[in-house]
């Protein structure tokens, strides 16, 4: 087994100083005292520290490119976020390279390596639905390469991220259903390891509690975020003993699939079953009935992710920041019952 190279982070932790202090001392920066510089350089010698070729290549070349990895390139949700990232990147004289994981962990891992091989200066990433281990991001952390997550995030104790206020948004959906006379409110969740699934489930439960409703396991289903699996989840709910009078989908793709299955059975939306989505895709306004949904500030999410990226570029070793953006419930006909 090869010996793991010591990193700036390792030495900073051992000496109880910041990564930027170590980095500057190794370059004999005048802001670092001679005593501290000597200590750091001595430790670097003892630990046989050698600058990582990839990290040094990035620093020297300054390719002015940011790698962006998204689960897909089809939905307006991700394209709007990409536009937000690009707007801030342009202000800094940077360009973006985009890769889609197609919701595949394997493809995401390949995308990370491929983008680094093209000498991007760092990555802004939304995890695939299959991603539950994060070893492919560890080289970036070890080598102080800028990394930011958005929407679907991980390692928040080490990496800056931008998310929506998922808990409050899901709570507001549940309460909206209740205010419109619904009492058997179901939730179709996504993969349990994703933060968006966990947080929206927490909000759903909070909403039930706020409305004085009991948690019924028969009203909770999961799927892998695909339309086909969402249709099956909807069918299980409609066939259950606790037939729902409202369904909340973890995203609009799931809600559209639920709408298809509800209509196939000859049920009316919202009179028989009220329906709400999450992400407010363009199609939410053209389906019949128009879909009530949570709208994200997607462009702003992309902008904030890019700002956090450049914060890392300008302040290596700065502690991670977790930004939470407000969402809004856009009410349309799919969830409002006639008096």
Protein backbone atom coordinates (compact mmCIF):
# COMPACT_ATOMS: atom_id res chain seq x y z
CA UNK A 1 0.00 0.00 0.00
CA UNK A 2 1.41 3.39 -0.97
CA UNK A 3 2.04 5.96 1.73
CA UNK A 4 -0.54 8.72 1.80
CA UNK A 5 0.96 12.08 1.02
CA UNK A 6 0.82 14.62 3.82
CA UNK A 7 -1.31 17.65 2.94
CA UNK A 8 -1.40 21.28 4.01
CA UNK A 9 -4.51 20.39 5.99
CA UNK A 10 -2.64 17.66 7.89
CA UNK A 11 0.15 20.02 8.89
CA UNK A 12 -2.26 22.82 9.81
CA UNK A 13 -4.14 20.46 12.14
CA UNK A 14 -0.93 19.25 13.77
CA UNK A 15 0.29 22.78 14.43
CA UNK A 16 -3.10 24.21 15.35
CA UNK A 17 -3.02 26.89 12.66
CA UNK A 18 -5.01 27.61 9.51
CA UNK A 19 -4.30 26.01 6.15
CA UNK A 20 -3.63 29.45 4.67
CA UNK A 21 -0.98 30.08 7.35
CA UNK A 22 0.83 26.88 6.40
CA UNK A 23 0.58 27.69 2.70
CA UNK A 24 1.97 31.20 3.18
CA UNK A 25 4.78 30.06 5.47
CA UNK A 26 5.96 27.56 2.87
CA UNK A 27 6.23 30.49 0.46
CA UNK A 28 8.07 32.66 3.06
CA UNK A 29 5.22 35.16 3.10
CA UNK A 30 6.14 38.26 5.14
CA UNK A 31 2.79 38.21 7.01
CA UNK A 32 3.88 35.02 8.81
CA UNK A 33 6.35 35.44 11.66
CA UNK A 34 9.88 34.02 11.20
CA UNK A 35 9.29 31.70 14.16
CA UNK A 36 6.08 30.24 12.74
CA UNK A 37 7.60 30.01 9.27
CA UNK A 38 10.52 28.02 10.68
CA UNK A 39 8.19 25.66 12.59
CA UNK A 40 6.05 25.00 9.54
CA UNK A 41 8.97 24.49 7.19
CA UNK A 42 10.62 22.16 9.68
CA UNK A 43 7.45 20.08 9.95
CA UNK A 44 7.13 19.99 6.16
CA UNK A 45 10.68 18.66 5.97
CA UNK A 46 10.04 16.03 8.65
CA UNK A 47 6.80 14.87 7.03
CA UNK A 48 8.37 14.90 3.56
CA UNK A 49 5.68 17.27 2.31
CA UNK A 50 5.55 17.67 -1.46
CA UNK A 51 3.02 19.92 -3.21
CA UNK A 52 0.43 17.84 -5.02
CA UNK A 53 1.11 18.01 -8.77
CA UNK A 54 -2.59 18.32 -9.59
CA UNK A 55 -3.19 21.08 -7.07
CA UNK A 56 -0.04 22.91 -8.15
CA UNK A 57 -1.03 22.54 -11.78
CA UNK A 58 -4.35 24.15 -11.03
CA UNK A 59 -2.73 27.00 -9.15
CA UNK A 60 -0.08 27.72 -11.76
CA UNK A 61 -2.22 27.32 -14.86
CA UNK A 62 -5.23 29.26 -13.57
CA UNK A 63 -7.42 27.80 -16.27
CA UNK A 64 -10.29 30.05 -15.20
CA UNK A 65 -12.66 27.09 -15.56
CA UNK A 66 -15.15 25.69 -13.04
CA UNK A 67 -16.52 22.16 -13.37
CA UNK A 68 -20.26 21.86 -12.74
CA UNK A 69 -21.90 18.45 -12.26
CA UNK A 70 -25.71 18.12 -12.29
CA UNK A 71 -28.03 15.07 -12.26
CA UNK A 72 -29.52 16.01 -15.65
CA UNK A 73 -29.45 18.70 -18.31
CA UNK A 74 -33.13 18.47 -19.24
CA UNK A 75 -35.07 20.08 -16.40
CA UNK A 76 -35.42 23.83 -16.06
CA UNK A 77 -34.43 23.47 -12.39
CA UNK A 78 -30.81 22.62 -13.21
CA UNK A 79 -30.50 24.79 -16.30
CA UNK A 80 -31.57 27.83 -14.27
CA UNK A 81 -29.04 27.02 -11.55
CA UNK A 82 -26.32 26.63 -14.19
CA UNK A 83 -27.25 30.07 -15.54
CA UNK A 84 -26.86 31.52 -12.05
CA UNK A 85 -23.43 29.93 -11.64
CA UNK A 86 -22.37 31.21 -15.05
CA UNK A 87 -23.46 34.77 -14.28
CA UNK A 88 -21.13 35.01 -11.27
CA UNK A 89 -18.33 33.09 -12.99
CA UNK A 90 -18.41 35.59 -15.86
CA UNK A 91 -17.98 38.48 -13.42
CA UNK A 92 -14.74 36.86 -12.25
CA UNK A 93 -13.52 36.11 -15.77
CA UNK A 94 -14.23 32.37 -15.42
CA UNK A 95 -15.96 29.85 -17.66
CA UNK A 96 -17.87 26.71 -16.71
CA UNK A 97 -17.64 23.15 -17.97
CA UNK A 98 -20.84 21.16 -17.43
CA UNK A 99 -21.21 17.42 -16.96
CA UNK A 100 -24.35 15.38 -16.27
CA UNK A 101 -24.26 12.36 -13.97
CA UNK A 102 -27.60 11.12 -15.38
CA UNK A 103 -28.44 10.21 -11.77
CA UNK A 104 -25.62 7.64 -11.80
CA UNK A 105 -23.00 7.32 -9.06
CA UNK A 106 -20.57 5.75 -11.52
CA UNK A 107 -21.05 8.57 -14.04
CA UNK A 108 -20.68 11.17 -11.28
CA UNK A 109 -17.37 9.63 -10.21
CA UNK A 110 -16.18 9.65 -13.81
CA UNK A 111 -17.27 13.26 -14.21
CA UNK A 112 -15.25 14.34 -11.18
CA UNK A 113 -12.10 12.73 -12.56
CA UNK A 114 -12.66 13.90 -16.13
CA UNK A 115 -13.22 17.50 -15.09
CA UNK A 116 -10.13 17.49 -12.88
CA UNK A 117 -8.15 16.04 -15.77
CA UNK A 118 -9.19 19.04 -17.87
CA UNK A 119 -7.66 21.23 -15.15
CA UNK A 120 -10.77 22.95 -13.87
CA UNK A 121 -9.92 25.00 -10.80
CA UNK A 122 -12.63 23.35 -8.72
CA UNK A 123 -16.12 21.84 -8.75
CA UNK A 124 -19.72 22.85 -8.03
CA UNK A 125 -21.83 19.69 -7.67
CA UNK A 126 -25.37 18.42 -7.12
CA UNK A 127 -25.22 14.75 -6.12
CA UNK A 128 -26.82 11.98 -8.16
CA UNK A 129 -29.68 10.04 -6.59
CA UNK A 130 -27.40 6.98 -6.34
CA UNK A 131 -24.63 8.75 -4.43
CA UNK A 132 -24.33 7.58 -0.83
CA UNK A 133 -20.54 7.43 -0.49
CA UNK A 134 -18.25 10.34 -1.10
CA UNK A 135 -14.70 9.03 -1.49
CA UNK A 136 -14.43 10.53 -4.98
CA UNK A 137 -14.51 14.01 -3.45
CA UNK A 138 -11.80 13.38 -0.86
CA UNK A 139 -8.87 14.17 -3.19
CA UNK A 140 -10.28 17.66 -3.63
CA UNK A 141 -10.44 18.17 0.13
CA UNK A 142 -6.93 16.83 0.67
CA UNK A 143 -5.51 19.12 -1.98
CA UNK A 144 -7.53 22.22 -1.03
CA UNK A 145 -9.27 22.30 -4.42
CA UNK A 146 -12.45 24.42 -4.21
CA UNK A 147 -15.63 22.34 -3.89
CA UNK A 148 -19.23 23.45 -3.35
CA UNK A 149 -22.43 21.38 -3.24
CA UNK A 150 -25.96 22.57 -3.99
CA UNK A 151 -29.48 21.16 -3.46
CA UNK A 152 -28.39 17.55 -2.84
CA UNK A 153 -25.42 17.93 -0.54
CA UNK A 154 -23.06 16.01 1.73
CA UNK A 155 -20.08 16.50 4.07
CA UNK A 156 -21.49 19.82 5.25
CA UNK A 157 -18.99 19.90 8.10
CA UNK A 158 -16.22 20.19 5.52
CA UNK A 159 -17.76 21.59 2.33
CA UNK A 160 -19.80 24.74 1.70
CA UNK A 161 -23.26 24.19 0.26
CA UNK A 162 -26.47 25.88 -0.85
CA UNK A 163 -29.88 24.33 -0.21
CA UNK A 164 -33.53 25.34 -0.12
CA UNK A 165 -35.45 25.57 3.15
CA UNK A 166 -36.79 22.06 2.56
CA UNK A 167 -38.24 21.50 6.03
CA UNK A 168 -40.30 24.69 6.08
CA UNK A 169 -41.38 24.23 2.46
CA UNK A 170 -42.69 20.69 3.08
CA UNK A 171 -44.40 21.83 6.27
CA UNK A 172 -46.18 24.61 4.35
CA UNK A 173 -47.41 22.11 1.74
CA UNK A 174 -48.88 19.84 4.40
CA UNK A 175 -50.61 22.76 6.12
CA UNK A 176 -51.92 24.01 2.77
CA UNK A 177 -53.55 20.63 2.15
CA UNK A 178 -55.12 20.71 5.61
CA UNK A 179 -56.49 24.22 5.05
CA UNK A 180 -58.18 22.91 1.90
CA UNK A 181 -59.97 20.14 3.74
CA UNK A 182 -57.53 17.26 3.23
CA UNK A 183 -57.00 14.87 6.16
CA UNK A 184 -55.27 11.83 4.61
CA UNK A 185 -52.16 13.53 3.30
CA UNK A 186 -49.60 11.26 1.61
CA UNK A 187 -45.97 11.89 0.74
CA UNK A 188 -43.96 10.22 -2.04
CA UNK A 189 -40.33 10.57 -0.97
CA UNK A 190 -37.08 9.96 -2.81
CA UNK A 191 -34.06 7.83 -1.85
CA UNK A 192 -33.71 7.93 1.93
CA UNK A 193 -30.01 8.82 1.94
CA UNK A 194 -30.52 12.12 0.11
CA UNK A 195 -30.71 15.24 2.26
CA UNK A 196 -33.70 16.54 0.29
CA UNK A 197 -35.67 13.37 1.11
CA UNK A 198 -34.82 13.54 4.81
CA UNK A 199 -35.54 17.26 5.15
CA UNK A 200 -38.82 17.20 3.23
CA UNK A 201 -39.93 14.19 5.24
CA UNK A 202 -39.18 16.10 8.44
CA UNK A 203 -41.24 19.02 7.14
CA UNK A 204 -44.11 16.69 6.22
CA UNK A 205 -44.11 15.26 9.73
CA UNK A 206 -43.95 18.72 11.28
CA UNK A 207 -46.90 19.80 9.15
CA UNK A 208 -48.95 16.81 10.25
CA UNK A 209 -48.16 17.62 13.87
CA UNK A 210 -49.03 21.30 13.44
CA UNK A 211 -52.39 20.30 11.94
CA UNK A 212 -53.16 17.77 14.66
CA UNK A 213 -52.93 14.80 12.28
CA UNK A 214 -51.36 11.46 13.14
CA UNK A 215 -48.50 9.95 11.17
CA UNK A 216 -49.81 7.02 9.12
CA UNK A 217 -47.09 4.77 7.64
CA UNK A 218 -49.53 3.72 4.90
CA UNK A 219 -49.47 7.30 3.59
CA UNK A 220 -45.72 7.33 3.07
CA UNK A 221 -44.14 5.89 -0.07
CA UNK A 222 -40.74 6.13 -1.69
CA UNK A 223 -39.36 5.99 -5.21
CA UNK A 224 -36.09 6.50 -7.08
CA UNK A 225 -37.24 9.83 -8.57
CA UNK A 226 -38.06 8.28 -11.96
CA UNK A 227 -41.53 8.70 -13.45
CA UNK A 228 -42.03 4.94 -13.71
CA UNK A 229 -41.28 4.29 -10.06
CA UNK A 230 -43.37 7.30 -9.01
CA UNK A 231 -46.36 5.84 -10.86
CA UNK A 232 -45.90 2.57 -8.96
CA UNK A 233 -45.64 4.46 -5.65
CA UNK A 234 -48.86 6.33 -6.45
CA UNK A 235 -50.60 3.07 -7.30
CA UNK A 236 -49.57 1.59 -3.95
CA UNK A 237 -51.01 4.60 -2.16
CA UNK A 238 -54.30 4.46 -4.07
CA UNK A 239 -54.61 0.73 -3.44
CA UNK A 240 -53.87 1.01 0.28
CA UNK A 241 -56.45 0.86 3.02
CA UNK A 242 -55.72 4.48 3.94
CA UNK A 243 -56.54 5.89 0.52
CA UNK A 244 -55.16 9.45 0.46
CA UNK A 245 -57.12 12.59 -0.34
CA UNK A 246 -53.89 14.50 -1.01
CA UNK A 247 -50.44 13.61 -2.36
CA UNK A 248 -47.23 15.59 -2.04
CA UNK A 249 -44.42 14.59 -4.41
CA UNK A 250 -40.77 15.16 -3.55
CA UNK A 251 -40.38 16.91 -6.91
CA UNK A 252 -42.48 17.82 -9.92
CA UNK A 253 -41.41 14.76 -11.90
CA UNK A 254 -42.92 12.60 -9.16
CA UNK A 255 -46.03 14.80 -8.98
CA UNK A 256 -46.57 14.63 -12.77
CA UNK A 257 -46.33 10.83 -12.60
CA UNK A 258 -48.82 10.79 -9.72
CA UNK A 259 -51.16 12.98 -11.76
CA UNK A 260 -50.99 10.50 -14.64
CA UNK A 261 -51.90 7.54 -12.43
CA UNK A 262 -54.69 9.43 -10.64
CA UNK A 263 -56.25 10.38 -13.98
CA UNK A 264 -55.85 6.84 -15.34
CA UNK A 265 -58.09 5.64 -12.54
CA UNK A 266 -60.77 8.19 -13.41
CA UNK A 267 -60.23 10.23 -10.24
CA UNK A 268 -60.55 14.01 -10.23
CA UNK A 269 -57.83 16.44 -9.18
CA UNK A 270 -58.26 18.14 -6.74
CA UNK A 271 -61.80 17.03 -5.82
CA UNK A 272 -60.87 13.39 -5.20
CA UNK A 273 -57.15 13.87 -4.59
CA UNK A 274 -55.33 17.16 -4.21
CA UNK A 275 -51.78 17.25 -5.56
CA UNK A 276 -48.65 19.34 -4.93
CA UNK A 277 -45.15 19.11 -6.39
CA UNK A 278 -41.76 20.55 -5.53
CA UNK A 279 -39.37 22.59 -7.78
CA UNK A 280 -42.05 24.24 -9.98
CA UNK A 281 -40.89 23.08 -13.39
CA UNK A 282 -42.23 24.89 -16.46
CA UNK A 283 -44.70 22.07 -17.17
CA UNK A 284 -46.45 22.80 -13.87
CA UNK A 285 -48.27 25.65 -15.59
CA UNK A 286 -49.39 23.72 -18.69
CA UNK A 287 -50.72 20.44 -17.25
CA UNK A 288 -54.42 20.12 -16.43
CA UNK A 289 -55.07 21.13 -13.76
CA UNK A 290 -52.06 23.42 -13.27
CA UNK A 291 -49.83 22.01 -10.54
CA UNK A 292 -49.36 23.70 -7.18
CA UNK A 293 -45.66 23.54 -6.38
CA UNK A 294 -42.80 24.91 -4.33
CA UNK A 295 -40.75 27.29 -6.43
CA UNK A 296 -37.02 27.48 -5.77
CA UNK A 297 -34.93 30.59 -6.30
CA UNK A 298 -32.91 28.49 -8.75
CA UNK A 299 -30.97 31.30 -10.42
CA UNK A 300 -30.06 32.69 -6.99
CA UNK A 301 -29.05 29.20 -5.82
CA UNK A 302 -26.58 29.02 -8.67
CA UNK A 303 -25.27 32.49 -7.93
CA UNK A 304 -24.77 31.69 -4.25
CA UNK A 305 -22.98 28.43 -5.08
CA UNK A 306 -20.60 30.37 -7.33
CA UNK A 307 -20.04 33.03 -4.66
CA UNK A 308 -19.10 30.31 -2.18
CA UNK A 309 -16.74 28.85 -4.78
CA UNK A 310 -14.89 32.14 -5.21
CA UNK A 311 -14.85 32.60 -1.44
CA UNK A 312 -12.74 29.43 -1.32
CA UNK A 313 -10.54 30.60 -4.18
CA UNK A 314 -9.83 33.87 -2.39
CA UNK A 315 -9.66 32.45 1.15
CA UNK A 316 -8.13 28.95 1.13
CA UNK A 317 -8.84 27.11 4.36
CA UNK A 318 -11.83 29.27 5.32
CA UNK A 319 -14.48 27.33 7.27
CA UNK A 320 -17.42 25.99 5.24
CA UNK A 321 -20.63 27.98 4.92
CA UNK A 322 -24.11 26.44 4.65
CA UNK A 323 -26.54 28.76 2.85
CA UNK A 324 -30.29 28.12 3.12
CA UNK A 325 -32.53 29.92 0.63
CA UNK A 326 -36.22 30.64 1.05
CA UNK A 327 -38.78 29.03 -1.24
CA UNK A 328 -42.38 29.96 -2.06
CA UNK A 329 -45.54 27.87 -2.38
CA UNK A 330 -47.20 28.75 -5.69
CA UNK A 331 -50.85 27.75 -5.39
CA UNK A 332 -52.67 26.57 -8.52
CA UNK A 333 -55.80 24.51 -9.23
CA UNK A 334 -54.35 21.05 -8.42
CA UNK A 335 -54.66 21.61 -4.65
CA UNK A 336 -57.57 24.02 -4.19
CA UNK A 337 -60.96 22.44 -3.72
CA UNK A 338 -64.18 24.22 -4.56
CA UNK A 339 -66.26 25.42 -1.63
